[in-house]
C-alpha cells in the first residue's frame, strides 16, 4: 500500500502574488506526484487553507486539483486544522464532501 501525507498546505496564505502562486504550484506538484505514483489514498492533516473563508480563486484552483484526484480514483481524507474552521464551526472543507 502506498499513500501520501500532506499537512499545513495553507493554500491562499501569502499576500505577495509570487509566493501565493508558488504555494499553489507546490500543491499542484504534489498532486501530480500522487497521480504519477498511483498512491492508494492521500491524507491531509490540517490547514489545507490558511483561512476558513479562502478567496474564490484559491477555492477554484484547489477544487480543480481535487477533481483530478477523483478522476484518478485516489481518495482523499481531510482532517480540519485550526485555520480551516470559522467561528460558526463551518468550513469550506465541508464542500469537498
Protein backbone atom coordinates (compact mmCIF):
# COMPACT_ATOMS: atom_id res chain seq x y z
CA UNK A 1 0.00 0.00 0.00
CA UNK A 2 1.23 3.45 -0.94
CA UNK A 3 -0.16 6.70 0.43
CA UNK A 4 0.75 10.37 0.64
CA UNK A 5 0.56 12.62 3.67
CA UNK A 6 0.26 16.40 3.49
CA UNK A 7 -0.26 18.95 6.19
CA UNK A 8 -0.19 22.69 6.70
CA UNK A 9 -0.64 23.49 3.00
CA UNK A 10 -2.11 26.91 3.95
CA UNK A 11 -3.38 27.49 0.42
CA UNK A 12 -4.10 31.17 -0.18
CA UNK A 13 -1.90 32.33 2.66
CA UNK A 14 0.52 34.72 1.01
CA UNK A 15 -0.22 38.36 0.28
CA UNK A 16 2.61 38.58 -2.27
CA UNK A 17 1.30 37.22 -5.61
CA UNK A 18 4.57 35.41 -6.37
CA UNK A 19 4.51 33.48 -3.10
CA UNK A 20 0.79 32.73 -3.38
CA UNK A 21 1.44 31.30 -6.86
CA UNK A 22 4.42 29.25 -5.63
CA UNK A 23 2.30 27.89 -2.76
CA UNK A 24 -0.36 26.71 -5.24
CA UNK A 25 2.22 25.30 -7.64
CA UNK A 26 3.76 23.22 -4.85
CA UNK A 27 0.31 21.76 -4.07
CA UNK A 28 -0.24 21.02 -7.77
CA UNK A 29 3.18 19.37 -7.95
CA UNK A 30 2.34 17.06 -5.05
CA UNK A 31 -0.97 16.13 -6.70
CA UNK A 32 0.94 15.37 -9.92
CA UNK A 33 3.34 13.13 -7.98
CA UNK A 34 0.48 11.31 -6.25
CA UNK A 35 -1.21 10.59 -9.57
CA UNK A 36 2.05 9.52 -11.21
CA UNK A 37 2.96 7.25 -8.29
CA UNK A 38 -0.59 5.86 -8.17
CA UNK A 39 -0.94 6.23 -4.43
CA UNK A 40 -3.83 4.36 -2.83
CA UNK A 41 -5.00 7.40 -0.87
CA UNK A 42 -3.97 10.80 0.44
CA UNK A 43 -4.40 12.11 3.96
CA UNK A 44 -4.26 15.85 4.63
CA UNK A 45 -3.83 16.55 8.32
CA UNK A 46 -4.96 20.08 8.87
CA UNK A 47 -4.79 23.58 7.47
CA UNK A 48 -5.45 22.88 3.81
CA UNK A 49 -6.47 26.54 3.59
CA UNK A 50 -5.00 29.43 5.51
CA UNK A 51 -8.44 30.83 6.24
CA UNK A 52 -11.91 29.50 6.89
CA UNK A 53 -13.00 31.79 4.04
CA UNK A 54 -10.45 31.40 1.24
CA UNK A 55 -10.61 33.61 -1.82
CA UNK A 56 -12.71 32.26 -4.69
CA UNK A 57 -9.66 31.81 -6.94
CA UNK A 58 -7.96 29.71 -4.27
CA UNK A 59 -11.08 27.57 -3.98
CA UNK A 60 -11.38 27.13 -7.75
CA UNK A 61 -7.77 26.05 -8.13
CA UNK A 62 -7.93 23.72 -5.13
CA UNK A 63 -11.17 22.09 -6.28
CA UNK A 64 -9.63 21.61 -9.72
CA UNK A 65 -6.84 19.57 -8.13
CA UNK A 66 -9.30 17.51 -6.10
CA UNK A 67 -11.25 16.83 -9.30
CA UNK A 68 -8.05 15.46 -10.88
CA UNK A 69 -7.57 13.17 -7.89
CA UNK A 70 -11.17 11.99 -8.11
CA UNK A 71 -10.73 11.22 -11.81
CA UNK A 72 -7.57 9.26 -10.92
CA UNK A 73 -9.66 7.39 -8.32
CA UNK A 74 -7.43 8.50 -5.45
CA UNK A 75 -9.46 9.09 -2.27
CA UNK A 76 -8.50 12.00 -0.05
CA UNK A 77 -9.11 12.10 3.69
CA UNK A 78 -9.12 15.51 5.33
CA UNK A 79 -8.68 16.46 8.96
CA UNK A 80 -9.55 20.09 9.60
CA UNK A 81 -6.92 22.24 11.23
CA UNK A 82 -7.21 25.42 13.24
CA UNK A 83 -7.08 27.61 10.10
CA UNK A 84 -9.88 25.64 8.42
CA UNK A 85 -12.63 26.48 10.95
CA UNK A 86 -14.76 29.58 11.18
CA UNK A 87 -16.42 30.93 14.31
CA UNK A 88 -19.64 29.26 13.17
CA UNK A 89 -17.93 25.86 13.13
CA UNK A 90 -18.41 25.59 9.37
CA UNK A 91 -15.59 25.01 6.93
CA UNK A 92 -15.06 25.04 3.20
CA UNK A 93 -13.77 21.50 3.70
CA UNK A 94 -17.44 20.52 4.00
CA UNK A 95 -17.88 21.43 0.33
CA UNK A 96 -15.30 18.83 -0.64
CA UNK A 97 -17.52 16.02 0.61
